[in-house]
N, C-alpha and C. Protein backbone atom coordinates (compact mmCIF):
# COMPACT_ATOMS: atom_id res chain seq x y z
N MET A 1 -3.45 9.41 4.93
CA MET A 1 -2.76 9.18 3.96
C MET A 1 -2.74 7.68 3.68
N ALA A 2 -2.43 7.47 2.14
CA ALA A 2 -2.40 6.09 1.49
C ALA A 2 -0.73 6.23 1.42
N LYS A 3 -0.09 5.66 2.50
CA LYS A 3 1.29 5.25 2.42
C LYS A 3 1.63 4.21 3.46
N CYS A 4 2.27 3.20 2.91
CA CYS A 4 2.64 1.87 3.72
C CYS A 4 3.84 2.21 4.37
N GLU A 5 3.82 2.03 6.09
CA GLU A 5 4.68 2.24 6.70
C GLU A 5 5.80 1.27 6.64
N ILE A 6 5.74 0.45 5.96
CA ILE A 6 7.15 -0.80 5.98
C ILE A 6 7.79 -0.69 4.77
N CYS A 7 7.03 -0.40 3.55
CA CYS A 7 7.87 -0.35 2.25
C CYS A 7 8.03 1.08 1.66
N GLY A 8 7.09 1.91 2.28
CA GLY A 8 6.99 3.16 1.55
C GLY A 8 6.13 3.66 0.36
N LYS A 9 5.45 2.55 0.22
CA LYS A 9 4.40 2.52 -1.28
C LYS A 9 3.71 3.91 -1.14
N VAL A 10 3.17 4.95 -1.95
CA VAL A 10 2.76 5.90 -2.19
C VAL A 10 2.21 5.49 -3.23
N PRO A 11 0.86 6.64 -3.56
CA PRO A 11 -0.02 6.68 -4.63
C PRO A 11 0.86 6.94 -5.96
N LYS A 12 0.28 6.62 -7.06
CA LYS A 12 1.16 6.36 -8.34
C LYS A 12 0.06 7.42 -9.40
N THR A 13 0.60 8.18 -10.09
CA THR A 13 -0.17 8.95 -10.72
C THR A 13 -0.19 8.67 -12.42
N GLY A 14 -0.86 8.90 -13.42
CA GLY A 14 -0.89 8.60 -14.59
C GLY A 14 -2.12 8.87 -15.47
N HIS A 15 -2.23 8.60 -16.41
CA HIS A 15 -3.63 8.71 -17.34
C HIS A 15 -4.48 7.66 -17.62
N ASN A 16 -5.94 8.03 -17.50
CA ASN A 16 -6.65 6.99 -18.21
C ASN A 16 -6.69 7.57 -19.70
N VAL A 17 -6.57 6.30 -20.44
CA VAL A 17 -6.37 6.58 -22.06
C VAL A 17 -7.88 5.97 -23.00
N SER A 18 -8.69 6.77 -23.23
CA SER A 18 -9.85 6.30 -23.77
C SER A 18 -9.53 5.62 -25.21
N HIS A 19 -10.47 5.16 -25.90
CA HIS A 19 -10.47 4.53 -27.23
C HIS A 19 -9.93 5.66 -28.08
N SER A 20 -10.57 6.54 -28.05
CA SER A 20 -9.97 7.73 -28.92
C SER A 20 -8.77 8.67 -28.45
N LYS A 21 -8.21 8.07 -27.53
CA LYS A 21 -6.52 8.41 -27.41
C LYS A 21 -6.72 9.76 -26.39
N ARG A 22 -7.84 10.14 -25.69
CA ARG A 22 -7.72 11.05 -24.86
C ARG A 22 -7.37 10.91 -23.56
N HIS A 23 -6.29 11.79 -23.06
CA HIS A 23 -5.53 11.44 -21.70
C HIS A 23 -6.32 12.18 -20.45
N THR A 24 -6.94 11.68 -19.44
CA THR A 24 -7.38 12.24 -17.94
C THR A 24 -6.36 11.79 -17.19
N LYS A 25 -6.29 12.36 -16.12
CA LYS A 25 -5.44 12.47 -15.25
C LYS A 25 -6.26 11.01 -14.09
N ARG A 26 -5.35 10.34 -13.54
CA ARG A 26 -6.00 9.37 -12.64
C ARG A 26 -4.91 8.95 -11.53
N ARG A 27 -5.03 8.45 -10.60
CA ARG A 27 -4.12 7.92 -9.36
C ARG A 27 -4.33 6.39 -9.28
N TRP A 28 -3.31 5.72 -9.06
CA TRP A 28 -3.45 4.26 -8.74
C TRP A 28 -3.27 4.33 -7.03
N GLN A 29 -3.77 3.91 -6.17
CA GLN A 29 -3.61 4.08 -4.80
C GLN A 29 -2.93 2.56 -4.23
N PRO A 30 -2.31 2.45 -3.22
CA PRO A 30 -1.80 1.18 -2.67
C PRO A 30 -2.89 1.01 -2.16
N ASN A 31 -2.94 -0.51 -1.80
CA ASN A 31 -4.07 -1.29 -1.04
C ASN A 31 -3.70 -1.03 0.38
N VAL A 32 -3.57 -0.26 1.29
CA VAL A 32 -3.38 -0.08 2.63
C VAL A 32 -4.38 -0.12 3.55
N HIS A 33 -4.11 -1.03 4.74
CA HIS A 33 -4.98 -1.14 5.62
C HIS A 33 -4.41 -0.92 7.24
N PRO A 34 -5.01 -0.35 8.02
CA PRO A 34 -4.57 -0.43 9.43
C PRO A 34 -4.38 -1.94 9.88
N THR A 35 -3.43 -2.14 10.73
CA THR A 35 -3.14 -3.51 11.14
C THR A 35 -2.48 -3.21 12.18
N THR A 36 -2.69 -4.22 13.27
CA THR A 36 -1.57 -4.36 14.53
C THR A 36 -0.67 -5.21 14.21
N LEU A 37 0.59 -5.16 14.57
CA LEU A 37 1.87 -6.11 14.31
C LEU A 37 2.63 -6.11 15.33
N THR A 38 3.13 -7.20 15.41
CA THR A 38 4.20 -7.14 16.80
C THR A 38 5.82 -7.11 15.99
N MET A 39 6.52 -6.19 16.31
CA MET A 39 7.77 -5.78 15.63
C MET A 39 8.48 -5.68 16.53
N ASP A 40 9.95 -6.69 16.47
CA ASP A 40 10.68 -6.25 17.64
C ASP A 40 10.17 -6.48 18.84
N GLY A 41 9.04 -7.46 19.03
CA GLY A 41 8.64 -7.69 20.65
C GLY A 41 7.77 -6.77 21.06
N SER A 42 7.24 -5.61 20.59
CA SER A 42 6.49 -4.47 20.93
C SER A 42 5.32 -4.47 19.87
N VAL A 43 3.80 -4.41 20.22
CA VAL A 43 2.81 -4.42 19.54
C VAL A 43 2.33 -2.77 18.82
N ARG A 44 2.45 -2.92 17.57
CA ARG A 44 2.32 -1.48 16.89
C ARG A 44 1.02 -1.22 16.10
N LYS A 45 0.47 -0.22 15.95
CA LYS A 45 -0.62 -0.22 14.97
C LYS A 45 -0.03 0.62 13.75
N LEU A 46 -0.08 0.24 12.55
CA LEU A 46 0.67 0.32 11.47
C LEU A 46 -0.56 0.49 10.21
N SER A 47 0.13 1.29 9.32
CA SER A 47 -0.77 1.58 7.82
C SER A 47 0.00 0.51 6.98
N VAL A 48 -0.29 -0.61 6.81
CA VAL A 48 0.46 -1.50 5.71
C VAL A 48 -0.47 -1.96 4.81
N CYS A 49 0.51 -1.92 3.40
CA CYS A 49 -0.14 -2.66 2.49
C CYS A 49 0.00 -4.16 2.44
N MET A 50 -1.05 -4.70 1.48
CA MET A 50 -1.83 -6.07 1.66
C MET A 50 -0.12 -6.70 1.44
N LYS A 51 0.72 -6.60 0.20
CA LYS A 51 2.10 -7.32 -0.14
C LYS A 51 3.03 -7.58 1.19
N CYS A 52 2.72 -6.25 1.95
CA CYS A 52 3.66 -6.25 3.29
C CYS A 52 3.16 -7.15 4.10
N LEU A 53 2.03 -7.00 4.32
CA LEU A 53 1.17 -8.07 5.48
C LEU A 53 1.18 -9.62 5.13
N ARG A 54 1.13 -9.63 3.84
CA ARG A 54 1.26 -10.92 3.28
C ARG A 54 2.54 -11.44 3.65
N THR A 55 3.47 -10.90 3.46
CA THR A 55 5.13 -11.09 3.61
C THR A 55 5.06 -11.52 4.79
N GLN A 56 4.69 -10.64 5.81
CA GLN A 56 5.08 -10.60 7.53
C GLN A 56 4.37 -11.94 7.66
N GLN A 57 2.83 -12.08 7.35
CA GLN A 57 2.47 -13.39 7.84
C GLN A 57 3.02 -14.55 7.41
N LYS A 58 3.81 -14.81 6.19
CA LYS A 58 4.69 -15.84 5.50
C LYS A 58 5.80 -15.90 6.65
N LEU A 59 6.41 -15.17 7.09
CA LEU A 59 7.65 -15.16 7.95
C LEU A 59 7.31 -15.08 9.48
N GLY A 60 5.98 -15.12 9.61
CA GLY A 60 5.71 -15.50 10.95
C GLY A 60 6.03 -14.41 12.13
N HIS A 61 5.85 -13.27 11.40
CA HIS A 61 6.03 -12.07 12.47
C HIS A 61 4.67 -11.64 12.73
């Protein structure tokens, strides 16, 4: 499942809109990757979106 375990980001739905204004269903998937992070002194395997992973690296966690 494409869900970030830190922020809870999930796929969004909407429409592709062509030049002739036809609407077809589509999904936007979050950029989720399996990673190993140290949280509260323990090492955990998490599915994390890249925005949260970047924030974690900036904070030094």
